[in-house]
Amino acid sequence: MGGSITLASRHGRGTTATCTIPFKKCLEPIIPPALKLEQARYVDRAKIWILVAEDNEINREIVVRHLEKMKFNVKAVINGLEVLEVLQKHKFDLILMDGQMRQCSLWLTCT
């Protein structure tokens, strides 16, 4: 993504991790198509579907648990092939994908 990650550690004081990602400025808010702009601040999380693609069981469970606690609808898969299968059957508003799933990332970018 063209960013950087740095760590600064001081003995007895801890470590600071900094992640910098250069995003382009968004000209319009990103809102699911079913919502009108004036409704953007009052999104009903129960209507938002999120796909979590993570092969690490612990990471997947933590992410899913937090999203469900926030009242989002969540579907979790463990690899890129499952992502492709579930996308043929369901529509998602957001996909959170492990960065190591290159085959799936490439397919999503190209279509």
PDB file of N, CA and C in Angstrom:
ATOM      1  N   MET A   1       0.826  -1.199   0.000  1.00  0.00           N
ATOM      2  CA  MET A   1       0.000   0.000   0.000  1.00  0.00           C
ATOM      3  C   MET A   1       0.864   1.255   0.000  1.00  0.00           C
ATOM      4  N   GLY A   2       2.176   1.081  -0.053  1.00  0.00           N
ATOM      5  CA  GLY A   2       3.064   2.235  -0.135  1.00  0.00           C
ATOM      6  C   GLY A   2       3.305   2.926   1.184  1.00  0.00           C
ATOM      7  N   GLY A   3       2.994   2.272   2.289  1.00  0.00           N
ATOM      8  CA  GLY A   3       3.159   2.877   3.603  1.00  0.00           C
ATOM      9  C   GLY A   3       4.396   2.387   4.317  1.00  0.00           C
ATOM     10  N   SER A   4       4.444   2.649   5.609  1.00  0.00           N
ATOM     11  CA  SER A   4       5.580   2.203   6.407  1.00  0.00           C
ATOM     12  C   SER A   4       5.125   1.884   7.824  1.00  0.00           C
ATOM     13  N   ILE A   5       5.903   1.023   8.483  1.00  0.00           N
ATOM     14  CA  ILE A   5       5.671   0.687   9.878  1.00  0.00           C
ATOM     15  C   ILE A   5       6.986   0.899  10.606  1.00  0.00           C
ATOM     16  N   THR A   6       6.947   1.656  11.693  1.00  0.00           N
ATOM     17  CA  THR A   6       8.161   1.880  12.476  1.00  0.00           C
ATOM     18  C   THR A   6       7.904   1.523  13.932  1.00  0.00           C
ATOM     19  N   LEU A   7       8.968   1.117  14.601  1.00  0.00           N
ATOM     20  CA  LEU A   7       8.915   0.802  16.029  1.00  0.00           C
ATOM     21  C   LEU A   7       9.978   1.630  16.734  1.00  0.00           C
ATOM     22  N   ALA A   8       9.607   2.222  17.852  1.00  0.00           N
ATOM     23  CA  ALA A   8      10.554   2.968  18.684  1.00  0.00           C
ATOM     24  C   ALA A   8      10.414   2.430  20.105  1.00  0.00           C
ATOM     25  N   SER A   9      11.506   1.880  20.626  1.00  0.00           N
ATOM     26  CA  SER A   9      11.454   1.253  21.935  1.00  0.00           C
ATOM     27  C   SER A   9      12.420   1.940  22.894  1.00  0.00           C
ATOM     28  N   ARG A  10      11.952   2.142  24.122  1.00  0.00           N
ATOM     29  CA  ARG A  10      12.803   2.710  25.172  1.00  0.00           C
ATOM     30  C   ARG A  10      12.727   1.778  26.374  1.00  0.00           C
ATOM     31  N   HIS A  11      13.879   1.355  26.813  1.00  0.00           N
ATOM     32  CA  HIS A  11      13.961   0.422  27.924  1.00  0.00           C
ATOM     33  C   HIS A  11      13.222   0.979  29.146  1.00  0.00           C
ATOM     34  N   GLY A  12      12.319   0.163  29.686  1.00  0.00           N
ATOM     35  CA  GLY A  12      11.578   0.568  30.871  1.00  0.00           C
ATOM     36  C   GLY A  12      10.392   1.481  30.595  1.00  0.00           C
ATOM     37  N   ARG A  13      10.230   1.915  29.377  1.00  0.00           N
ATOM     38  CA  ARG A  13       9.138   2.837  29.039  1.00  0.00           C
ATOM     39  C   ARG A  13       8.151   2.249  28.045  1.00  0.00           C
ATOM     40  N   GLY A  14       8.570   1.221  27.296  1.00  0.00           N
ATOM     41  CA  GLY A  14       7.659   0.603  26.339  1.00  0.00           C
ATOM     42  C   GLY A  14       8.037   0.852  24.901  1.00  0.00           C
ATOM     43  N   THR A  15       7.158   0.452  24.019  1.00  0.00           N
ATOM     44  CA  THR A  15       7.396   0.543  22.581  1.00  0.00           C
ATOM     45  C   THR A  15       6.240   1.283  21.918  1.00  0.00           C
ATOM     46  N   THR A  16       6.587   2.144  20.975  1.00  0.00           N
ATOM     47  CA  THR A  16       5.588   2.848  20.180  1.00  0.00           C
ATOM     48  C   THR A  16       5.648   2.308  18.766  1.00  0.00           C
ATOM     49  N   ALA A  17       4.511   1.830  18.261  1.00  0.00           N
ATOM     50  CA  ALA A  17       4.411   1.354  16.882  1.00  0.00           C
ATOM     51  C   ALA A  17       3.644   2.391  16.080  1.00  0.00           C
ATOM     52  N   THR A  18       4.184   2.757  14.925  1.00  0.00           N
ATOM     53  CA  THR A  18       3.547   3.742  14.063  1.00  0.00           C
ATOM     54  C   THR A  18       3.349   3.145  12.678  1.00  0.00           C
ATOM     55  N   CYS A  19       2.122   3.244  12.192  1.00  0.00           N
ATOM     56  CA  CYS A  19       1.788   2.746  10.855  1.00  0.00           C
ATOM     57  C   CYS A  19       1.309   3.939  10.032  1.00  0.00           C
ATOM     58  N   THR A  20       1.950   4.167   8.880  1.00  0.00           N
ATOM     59  CA  THR A  20       1.580   5.278   8.012  1.00  0.00           C
ATOM     60  C   THR A  20       1.179   4.719   6.655  1.00  0.00           C
ATOM     61  N   ILE A  21      -0.035   5.077   6.213  1.00  0.00           N
ATOM     62  CA  ILE A  21      -0.525   4.630   4.912  1.00  0.00           C
ATOM     63  C   ILE A  21      -1.006   5.867   4.156  1.00  0.00           C
ATOM     64  N   PRO A  22      -0.422   6.133   2.975  1.00  0.00           N
ATOM     65  CA  PRO A  22      -0.825   7.318   2.206  1.00  0.00           C
ATOM     66  C   PRO A  22      -2.117   7.072   1.430  1.00  0.00           C
ATOM     67  N   PHE A  23      -3.231   7.523   1.978  1.00  0.00           N
ATOM     68  CA  PHE A  23      -4.510   7.397   1.303  1.00  0.00           C
ATOM     69  C   PHE A  23      -4.787   8.644   0.491  1.00  0.00           C
ATOM     70  N   LYS A  24      -5.485   8.450  -0.624  1.00  0.00           N
ATOM     71  CA  LYS A  24      -5.941   9.603  -1.394  1.00  0.00           C
ATOM     72  C   LYS A  24      -7.142  10.204  -0.682  1.00  0.00           C
ATOM     73  N   LYS A  25      -7.296  11.508  -0.789  1.00  0.00           N
ATOM     74  CA  LYS A  25      -8.434  12.176  -0.167  1.00  0.00           C
ATOM     75  C   LYS A  25      -9.712  11.785  -0.893  1.00  0.00           C
ATOM     76  N   CYS A  26     -10.687  11.373  -0.123  1.00  0.00           N
ATOM     77  CA  CYS A  26     -11.969  10.955  -0.676  1.00  0.00           C
ATOM     78  C   CYS A  26     -12.839  12.185  -0.896  1.00  0.00           C
ATOM     79  N   LEU A  27     -13.346  12.341  -2.107  1.00  0.00           N
ATOM     80  CA  LEU A  27     -14.162  13.507  -2.417  1.00  0.00           C
ATOM     81  C   LEU A  27     -15.582  13.381  -1.893  1.00  0.00           C
ATOM     82  N   GLU A  28     -16.073  12.143  -1.796  1.00  0.00           N
ATOM     83  CA  GLU A  28     -17.425  11.916  -1.299  1.00  0.00           C
ATOM     84  C   GLU A  28     -17.383  10.841  -0.226  1.00  0.00           C
ATOM     85  N   PRO A  29     -18.256  10.908   0.751  1.00  0.00           N
ATOM     86  CA  PRO A  29     -18.302   9.853   1.761  1.00  0.00           C
ATOM     87  C   PRO A  29     -18.646   8.512   1.120  1.00  0.00           C
ATOM     88  N   ILE A  30     -18.041   7.457   1.619  1.00  0.00           N
ATOM     89  CA  ILE A  30     -18.349   6.128   1.114  1.00  0.00           C
ATOM     90  C   ILE A  30     -19.504   5.570   1.930  1.00  0.00           C
ATOM     91  N   ILE A  31     -20.632   5.401   1.278  1.00  0.00           N
ATOM     92  CA  ILE A  31     -21.863   4.985   1.945  1.00  0.00           C
ATOM     93  C   ILE A  31     -22.465   3.838   1.136  1.00  0.00           C
ATOM     94  N   PRO A  32     -22.942   2.792   1.783  1.00  0.00           N
ATOM     95  CA  PRO A  32     -23.616   1.735   1.024  1.00  0.00           C
ATOM     96  C   PRO A  32     -24.685   2.337   0.124  1.00  0.00           C
ATOM     97  N   PRO A  33     -24.823   1.834  -1.122  1.00  0.00           N
ATOM     98  CA  PRO A  33     -25.750   2.421  -2.099  1.00  0.00           C
ATOM     99  C   PRO A  33     -27.179   2.566  -1.606  1.00  0.00           C
ATOM    100  N   ALA A  34     -27.602   1.719  -0.691  1.00  0.00           N
ATOM    101  CA  ALA A  34     -28.989   1.776  -0.223  1.00  0.00           C
ATOM    102  C   ALA A  34     -29.249   2.988   0.666  1.00  0.00           C
ATOM    103  N   LEU A  35     -28.196   3.662   1.111  1.00  0.00           N
ATOM    104  CA  LEU A  35     -28.373   4.793   2.020  1.00  0.00           C
ATOM    105  C   LEU A  35     -28.253   6.115   1.288  1.00  0.00           C
ATOM    106  N   LYS A  36     -29.034   7.079   1.684  1.00  0.00           N
ATOM    107  CA  LYS A  36     -28.933   8.412   1.128  1.00  0.00           C
ATOM    108  C   LYS A  36     -27.901   9.195   1.923  1.00  0.00           C
ATOM    109  N   LEU A  37     -27.304  10.202   1.316  1.00  0.00           N
ATOM    110  CA  LEU A  37     -26.248  10.974   1.952  1.00  0.00           C
ATOM    111  C   LEU A  37     -26.662  11.546   3.300  1.00  0.00           C
ATOM    112  N   GLU A  38     -27.897  12.054   3.396  1.00  0.00           N
ATOM    113  CA  GLU A  38     -28.333  12.654   4.659  1.00  0.00           C
ATOM    114  C   GLU A  38     -28.524  11.622   5.764  1.00  0.00           C
ATOM    115  N   GLN A  39     -28.578  10.343   5.432  1.00  0.00           N
ATOM    116  CA  GLN A  39     -28.741   9.289   6.419  1.00  0.00           C
ATOM    117  C   GLN A  39     -27.399   8.723   6.874  1.00  0.00           C
ATOM    118  N   ALA A  40     -26.305   9.177   6.310  1.00  0.00           N
ATOM    119  CA  ALA A  40     -24.995   8.573   6.548  1.00  0.00           C
ATOM    120  C   ALA A  40     -24.602   8.545   8.021  1.00  0.00           C
ATOM    121  N   ARG A  41     -24.996   9.529   8.787  1.00  0.00           N
ATOM    122  CA  ARG A  41     -24.611   9.582  10.203  1.00  0.00           C
ATOM    123  C   ARG A  41     -25.414   8.613  11.052  1.00  0.00           C
ATOM    124  N   TYR A  42     -26.475   8.072  10.512  1.00  0.00           N
ATOM    125  CA  TYR A  42     -27.365   7.209  11.285  1.00  0.00           C
ATOM    126  C   TYR A  42     -27.500   5.829  10.636  1.00  0.00           C
ATOM    127  N   VAL A  43     -26.378   5.228  10.340  1.00  0.00           N
ATOM    128  CA  VAL A  43     -26.377   3.922   9.688  1.00  0.00           C
ATOM    129  C   VAL A  43     -26.849   2.859  10.670  1.00  0.00           C
ATOM    130  N   ASP A  44     -27.789   2.059  10.234  1.00  0.00           N
ATOM    131  CA  ASP A  44     -28.261   0.934  11.033  1.00  0.00           C
ATOM    132  C   ASP A  44     -27.280  -0.218  10.830  1.00  0.00           C
ATOM    133  N   ARG A  45     -26.453  -0.451  11.823  1.00  0.00           N
ATOM    134  CA  ARG A  45     -25.415  -1.472  11.707  1.00  0.00           C
ATOM    135  C   ARG A  45     -25.991  -2.855  11.436  1.00  0.00           C
ATOM    136  N   ALA A  46     -27.208  -3.095  11.840  1.00  0.00           N
ATOM    137  CA  ALA A  46     -27.835  -4.397  11.605  1.00  0.00           C
ATOM    138  C   ALA A  46     -28.080  -4.653  10.115  1.00  0.00           C
ATOM    139  N   LYS A  47     -27.956  -3.607   9.299  1.00  0.00           N
ATOM    140  CA  LYS A  47     -28.138  -3.756   7.854  1.00  0.00           C
ATOM    141  C   LYS A  47     -26.814  -3.857   7.101  1.00  0.00           C
ATOM    142  N   ILE A  48     -25.715  -3.719   7.812  1.00  0.00           N
ATOM    143  CA  ILE A  48     -24.389  -3.766   7.194  1.00  0.00           C
ATOM    144  C   ILE A  48     -23.821  -5.176   7.297  1.00  0.00           C
ATOM    145  N   TRP A  49     -23.376  -5.715   6.153  1.00  0.00           N
ATOM    146  CA  TRP A  49     -22.773  -7.046   6.105  1.00  0.00           C
ATOM    147  C   TRP A  49     -21.277  -6.930   5.858  1.00  0.00           C
ATOM    148  N   ILE A  50     -20.488  -7.604   6.702  1.00  0.00           N
ATOM    149  CA  ILE A  50     -19.030  -7.569   6.607  1.00  0.00           C
ATOM    150  C   ILE A  50     -18.505  -8.988   6.426  1.00  0.00           C
ATOM    151  N   LEU A  51     -17.633  -9.151   5.435  1.00  0.00           N
ATOM    152  CA  LEU A  51     -16.970 -10.429   5.216  1.00  0.00           C
ATOM    153  C   LEU A  51     -15.560 -10.342   5.788  1.00  0.00           C
ATOM    154  N   VAL A  52     -15.218 -11.272   6.679  1.00  0.00           N
ATOM    155  CA  VAL A  52     -13.885 -11.325   7.281  1.00  0.00           C
ATOM    156  C   VAL A  52     -13.162 -12.531   6.697  1.00  0.00           C
ATOM    157  N   ALA A  53     -12.037 -12.286   6.035  1.00  0.00           N
ATOM    158  CA  ALA A  53     -11.227 -13.359   5.452  1.00  0.00           C
ATOM    159  C   ALA A  53      -9.901 -13.412   6.207  1.00  0.00           C
ATOM    160  N   GLU A  54      -9.764 -14.410   7.054  1.00  0.00           N
ATOM    161  CA  GLU A  54      -8.575 -14.515   7.923  1.00  0.00           C
ATOM    162  C   GLU A  54      -8.283 -15.986   8.176  1.00  0.00           C
ATOM    163  N   ASP A  55      -7.055 -16.416   7.880  1.00  0.00           N
ATOM    164  CA  ASP A  55      -6.717 -17.827   8.066  1.00  0.00           C
ATOM    165  C   ASP A  55      -6.288 -18.164   9.490  1.00  0.00           C
ATOM    166  N   ASN A  56      -5.911 -17.166  10.263  1.00  0.00           N
ATOM    167  CA  ASN A  56      -5.521 -17.408  11.652  1.00  0.00           C
ATOM    168  C   ASN A  56      -6.778 -17.445  12.517  1.00  0.00           C
ATOM    169  N   GLU A  57      -7.015 -18.590  13.137  1.00  0.00           N
ATOM    170  CA  GLU A  57      -8.259 -18.806  13.886  1.00  0.00           C
ATOM    171  C   GLU A  57      -8.461 -17.797  15.015  1.00  0.00           C
ATOM    172  N   ILE A  58      -7.415 -17.504  15.752  1.00  0.00           N
ATOM    173  CA  ILE A  58      -7.534 -16.557  16.874  1.00  0.00           C
ATOM    174  C   ILE A  58      -7.851 -15.162  16.370  1.00  0.00           C
ATOM    175  N   ASN A  59      -7.111 -14.709  15.349  1.00  0.00           N
ATOM    176  CA  ASN A  59      -7.372 -13.378  14.786  1.00  0.00           C
ATOM    177  C   ASN A  59      -8.790 -13.284  14.247  1.00  0.00           C
ATOM    178  N   ARG A  60      -9.216 -14.334  13.528  1.00  0.00           N
ATOM    179  CA  ARG A  60     -10.567 -14.356  12.951  1.00  0.00           C
ATOM    180  C   ARG A  60     -11.622 -14.259  14.048  1.00  0.00           C
ATOM    181  N   GLU A  61     -11.443 -15.022  15.106  1.00  0.00           N
ATOM    182  CA  GLU A  61     -12.415 -15.021  16.199  1.00  0.00           C
ATOM    183  C   GLU A  61     -12.494 -13.665  16.889  1.00  0.00           C
ATOM    184  N   ILE A  62     -11.349 -13.028  17.093  1.00  0.00           N
ATOM    185  CA  ILE A  62     -11.322 -11.712  17.746  1.00  0.00           C
ATOM    186  C   ILE A  62     -12.044 -10.676  16.890  1.00  0.00           C
ATOM    187  N   VAL A  63     -11.738 -10.639  15.600  1.00  0.00           N
ATOM    188  CA  VAL A  63     -12.360  -9.655  14.705  1.00  0.00           C
ATOM    189  C   VAL A  63     -13.870  -9.883  14.634  1.00  0.00           C
ATOM    190  N   VAL A  64     -14.271 -11.127  14.441  1.00  0.00           N
ATOM    191  CA  VAL A  64     -15.699 -11.438  14.341  1.00  0.00           C
ATOM    192  C   VAL A  64     -16.423 -11.066  15.625  1.00  0.00           C
ATOM    193  N   ARG A  65     -15.847 -11.413  16.746  1.00  0.00           N
ATOM    194  CA  ARG A  65     -16.489 -11.125  18.033  1.00  0.00           C
ATOM    195  C   ARG A  65     -16.677  -9.616  18.227  1.00  0.00           C
ATOM    196  N   HIS A  66     -15.655  -8.825  17.889  1.00  0.00           N
ATOM    197  CA  HIS A  66     -15.770  -7.364  18.043  1.00  0.00           C
ATOM    198  C   HIS A  66     -16.831  -6.790  17.108  1.00  0.00           C
ATOM    199  N   LEU A  67     -16.842  -7.237  15.863  1.00  0.00           N
ATOM    200  CA  LEU A  67     -17.826  -6.716  14.911  1.00  0.00           C
ATOM    201  C   LEU A  67     -19.247  -7.096  15.308  1.00  0.00           C
ATOM    202  N   GLU A  68     -19.433  -8.332  15.760  1.00  0.00           N
ATOM    203  CA  GLU A  68     -20.765  -8.747  16.195  1.00  0.00           C
ATOM    204  C   GLU A  68     -21.200  -7.995  17.448  1.00  0.00           C
ATOM    205  N   LYS A  69     -20.248  -7.703  18.325  1.00  0.00           N
ATOM    206  CA  LYS A  69     -20.560  -6.920  19.525  1.00  0.00           C
ATOM    207  C   LYS A  69     -21.039  -5.514  19.146  1.00  0.00           C
ATOM    208  N   MET A  70     -20.534  -5.008  18.010  1.00  0.00           N
ATOM    209  CA  MET A  70     -20.930  -3.700  17.509  1.00  0.00           C
ATOM    210  C   MET A  70     -22.207  -3.775  16.672  1.00  0.00           C
ATOM    211  N   LYS A  71     -22.823  -4.967  16.642  1.00  0.00           N
ATOM    212  CA  LYS A  71     -24.111  -5.199  15.979  1.00  0.00           C
ATOM    213  C   LYS A  71     -24.050  -5.236  14.455  1.00  0.00           C
ATOM    214  N   PHE A  72     -22.872  -5.554  13.882  1.00  0.00           N
ATOM    215  CA  PHE A  72     -22.769  -5.762  12.443  1.00  0.00           C
ATOM    216  C   PHE A  72     -23.102  -7.215  12.128  1.00  0.00           C
ATOM    217  N   ASN A  73     -23.537  -7.484  10.900  1.00  0.00           N
ATOM    218  CA  ASN A  73     -23.698  -8.845  10.412  1.00  0.00           C
ATOM    219  C   ASN A  73     -22.346  -9.279   9.866  1.00  0.00           C
ATOM    220  N   VAL A  74     -21.858 -10.435  10.296  1.00  0.00           N
ATOM    221  CA  VAL A  74     -20.517 -10.860   9.929  1.00  0.00           C
ATOM    222  C   VAL A  74     -20.526 -12.283   9.400  1.00  0.00           C
ATOM    223  N   LYS A  75     -19.787 -12.478   8.316  1.00  0.00           N
ATOM    224  CA  LYS A  75     -19.533 -13.813   7.779  1.00  0.00           C
ATOM    225  C   LYS A  75     -18.016 -13.955   7.731  1.00  0.00           C
ATOM    226  N   ALA A  76     -17.487 -15.071   8.214  1.00  0.00           N
ATOM    227  CA  ALA A  76     -16.046 -15.292   8.239  1.00  0.00           C
ATOM    228  C   ALA A  76     -15.676 -16.490   7.382  1.00  0.00           C
ATOM    229  N   VAL A  77     -14.564 -16.352   6.660  1.00  0.00           N
ATOM    230  CA  VAL A  77     -14.015 -17.443   5.858  1.00  0.00           C
ATOM    231  C   VAL A  77     -12.526 -17.552   6.149  1.00  0.00           C
ATOM    232  N   ILE A  78     -11.927 -18.695   5.748  1.00  0.00           N
ATOM    233  CA  ILE A  78     -10.528 -18.918   6.131  1.00  0.00           C
ATOM    234  C   ILE A  78      -9.523 -18.813   4.987  1.00  0.00           C
ATOM    235  N   ASN A  79      -9.991 -18.669   3.739  1.00  0.00           N
ATOM    236  CA  ASN A  79      -9.025 -18.546   2.645  1.00  0.00           C
ATOM    237  C   ASN A  79      -9.660 -17.843   1.449  1.00  0.00           C
ATOM    238  N   GLY A  80      -8.812 -17.532   0.471  1.00  0.00           N
ATOM    239  CA  GLY A  80      -9.261 -16.794  -0.702  1.00  0.00           C
ATOM    240  C   GLY A  80     -10.295 -17.521  -1.528  1.00  0.00           C
ATOM    241  N   LEU A  81     -10.179 -18.839  -1.615  1.00  0.00           N
ATOM    242  CA  LEU A  81     -11.172 -19.597  -2.372  1.00  0.00           C
ATOM    243  C   LEU A  81     -12.555 -19.485  -1.741  1.00  0.00           C
ATOM    244  N   GLU A  82     -12.611 -19.508  -0.421  1.00  0.00           N
ATOM    245  CA  GLU A  82     -13.901 -19.335   0.253  1.00  0.00           C
ATOM    246  C   GLU A  82     -14.455 -17.933   0.029  1.00  0.00           C
ATOM    247  N   VAL A  83     -13.569 -16.941  -0.048  1.00  0.00           N
ATOM    248  CA  VAL A  83     -14.017 -15.576  -0.345  1.00  0.00           C
ATOM    249  C   VAL A  83     -14.730 -15.563  -1.690  1.00  0.00           C
ATOM    250  N   LEU A  84     -14.086 -16.162  -2.691  1.00  0.00           N
ATOM    251  CA  LEU A  84     -14.670 -16.165  -4.031  1.00  0.00           C
ATOM    252  C   LEU A  84     -16.007 -16.908  -4.057  1.00  0.00           C
ATOM    253  N   GLU A  85     -16.096 -18.011  -3.338  1.00  0.00           N
ATOM    254  CA  GLU A  85     -17.345 -18.777  -3.284  1.00  0.00           C
ATOM    255  C   GLU A  85     -18.473 -17.986  -2.635  1.00  0.00           C
ATOM    256  N   VAL A  86     -18.182 -17.362  -1.489  1.00  0.00           N
ATOM    257  CA  VAL A  86     -19.231 -16.647  -0.761  1.00  0.00           C
ATOM    258  C   VAL A  86     -19.651 -15.370  -1.505  1.00  0.00           C
ATOM    259  N   LEU A  87     -18.732 -14.760  -2.259  1.00  0.00           N
ATOM    260  CA  LEU A  87     -19.087 -13.558  -3.016  1.00  0.00           C
ATOM    261  C   LEU A  87     -20.047 -13.866  -4.167  1.00  0.00           C
ATOM    262  N   GLN A  88     -20.070 -15.105  -4.614  1.00  0.00           N
ATOM    263  CA  GLN A  88     -21.014 -15.488  -5.665  1.00  0.00           C
ATOM    264  C   GLN A  88     -22.428 -15.632  -5.117  1.00  0.00           C
ATOM    265  N   LYS A  89     -22.548 -15.809  -3.803  1.00  0.00           N
ATOM    266  CA  LYS A  89     -23.846 -16.054  -3.184  1.00  0.00           C
ATOM    267  C   LYS A  89     -24.389 -14.867  -2.393  1.00  0.00           C
ATOM    268  N   HIS A  90     -23.498 -14.026  -1.873  1.00  0.00           N
ATOM    269  CA  HIS A  90     -23.919 -12.939  -0.986  1.00  0.00           C
ATOM    270  C   HIS A  90     -23.254 -11.628  -1.379  1.00  0.00           C
ATOM    271  N   LYS A  91     -23.914 -10.524  -1.036  1.00  0.00           N
ATOM    272  CA  LYS A  91     -23.376  -9.181  -1.248  1.00  0.00           C
ATOM    273  C   LYS A  91     -22.911  -8.641   0.095  1.00  0.00           C
ATOM    274  N   PHE A  92     -21.729  -8.046   0.130  1.00  0.00           N
ATOM    275  CA  PHE A  92     -21.187  -7.476   1.359  1.00  0.00           C
ATOM    276  C   PHE A  92     -20.921  -5.996   1.175  1.00  0.00           C
ATOM    277  N   ASP A  93     -21.060  -5.253   2.260  1.00  0.00           N
ATOM    278  CA  ASP A  93     -20.774  -3.822   2.241  1.00  0.00           C
ATOM    279  C   ASP A  93     -19.288  -3.549   2.474  1.00  0.00           C
ATOM    280  N   LEU A  94     -18.620  -4.504   3.143  1.00  0.00           N
ATOM    281  CA  LEU A  94     -17.202  -4.324   3.477  1.00  0.00           C
ATOM    282  C   LEU A  94     -16.549  -5.693   3.539  1.00  0.00           C
ATOM    283  N   ILE A  95     -15.310  -5.776   3.034  1.00  0.00           N
ATOM    284  CA  ILE A  95     -14.534  -7.004   3.135  1.00  0.00           C
ATOM    285  C   ILE A  95     -13.240  -6.677   3.865  1.00  0.00           C
ATOM    286  N   LEU A  96     -13.001  -7.369   4.978  1.00  0.00           N
ATOM    287  CA  LEU A  96     -11.747  -7.250   5.717  1.00  0.00           C
ATOM    288  C   LEU A  96     -10.944  -8.504   5.402  1.00  0.00           C
ATOM    289  N   MET A  97      -9.812  -8.316   4.715  1.00  0.00           N
ATOM    290  CA  MET A  97      -9.075  -9.474   4.212  1.00  0.00           C
ATOM    291  C   MET A  97      -7.630  -9.464   4.692  1.00  0.00           C
ATOM    292  N   ASP A  98      -7.169 -10.629   5.114  1.00  0.00           N
ATOM    293  CA  ASP A  98      -5.780 -10.834   5.470  1.00  0.00           C
ATOM    294  C   ASP A  98      -4.926 -10.450   4.257  1.00  0.00           C
ATOM    295  N   GLY A  99      -3.917  -9.637   4.462  1.00  0.00           N
ATOM    296  CA  GLY A  99      -3.062  -9.170   3.372  1.00  0.00           C
ATOM    297  C   GLY A  99      -2.303 -10.269   2.665  1.00  0.00           C
ATOM    298  N   GLN A 100      -2.171 -11.438   3.266  1.00  0.00           N
ATOM    299  CA  GLN A 100      -1.443 -12.543   2.654  1.00  0.00           C
ATOM    300  C   GLN A 100      -2.273 -13.318   1.645  1.00  0.00           C
ATOM    301  N   MET A 101      -3.538 -13.018   1.517  1.00  0.00           N
ATOM    302  CA  MET A 101      -4.403 -13.736   0.580  1.00  0.00           C
ATOM    303  C   MET A 101      -4.308 -13.101  -0.800  1.00  0.00           C
ATOM    304  N   ARG A 102      -3.145 -13.208  -1.415  1.00  0.00           N
ATOM    305  CA  ARG A 102      -2.858 -12.520  -2.674  1.00  0.00           C
ATOM    306  C   ARG A 102      -3.733 -12.980  -3.833  1.00  0.00           C
ATOM    307  N   GLN A 103      -3.992 -14.272  -3.958  1.00  0.00           N
ATOM    308  CA  GLN A 103      -4.776 -14.744  -5.091  1.00  0.00           C
ATOM    309  C   GLN A 103      -6.156 -14.110  -5.102  1.00  0.00           C
ATOM    310  N   CYS A 104      -6.743 -13.953  -3.944  1.00  0.00           N
ATOM    311  CA  CYS A 104      -8.080 -13.369  -3.862  1.00  0.00           C
ATOM    312  C   CYS A 104      -8.001 -11.861  -4.082  1.00  0.00           C
ATOM    313  N   SER A 105      -6.992 -11.213  -3.515  1.00  0.00           N
ATOM    314  CA  SER A 105      -6.844  -9.766  -3.676  1.00  0.00           C
ATOM    315  C   SER A 105      -6.693  -9.405  -5.141  1.00  0.00           C
ATOM    316  N   LEU A 106      -5.915 -10.202  -5.867  1.00  0.00           N
ATOM    317  CA  LEU A 106      -5.717  -9.948  -7.288  1.00  0.00           C
ATOM    318  C   LEU A 106      -7.033 -10.085  -8.049  1.00  0.00           C
ATOM    319  N   TRP A 107      -7.807 -11.123  -7.743  1.00  0.00           N
ATOM    320  CA  TRP A 107      -9.075 -11.325  -8.425  1.00  0.00           C
ATOM    321  C   TRP A 107     -10.033 -10.180  -8.149  1.00  0.00           C
ATOM    322  N   LEU A 108     -10.108  -9.731  -6.888  1.00  0.00           N
ATOM    323  CA  LEU A 108     -11.029  -8.646  -6.542  1.00  0.00           C
ATOM    324  C   LEU A 108     -10.615  -7.346  -7.218  1.00  0.00           C
ATOM    325  N   THR A 109      -9.303  -7.123  -7.377  1.00  0.00           N
ATOM    326  CA  THR A 109      -8.822  -5.899  -7.997  1.00  0.00           C
ATOM    327  C   THR A 109      -9.149  -5.886  -9.498  1.00  0.00           C
ATOM    328  N   CYS A 110      -9.083  -7.046 -10.116  1.00  0.00           N
ATOM    329  CA  CYS A 110      -9.250  -7.121 -11.566  1.00  0.00           C
ATOM    330  C   CYS A 110     -10.693  -7.140 -12.030  1.00  0.00           C
ATOM    331  N   THR A 111     -11.631  -7.492 -11.165  1.00  0.00           N
ATOM    332  CA  THR A 111     -13.016  -7.604 -11.625  1.00  0.00           C
ATOM    333  C   THR A 111     -13.801  -6.346 -11.378  1.00  0.00           C
TER     334      THR A 111
END
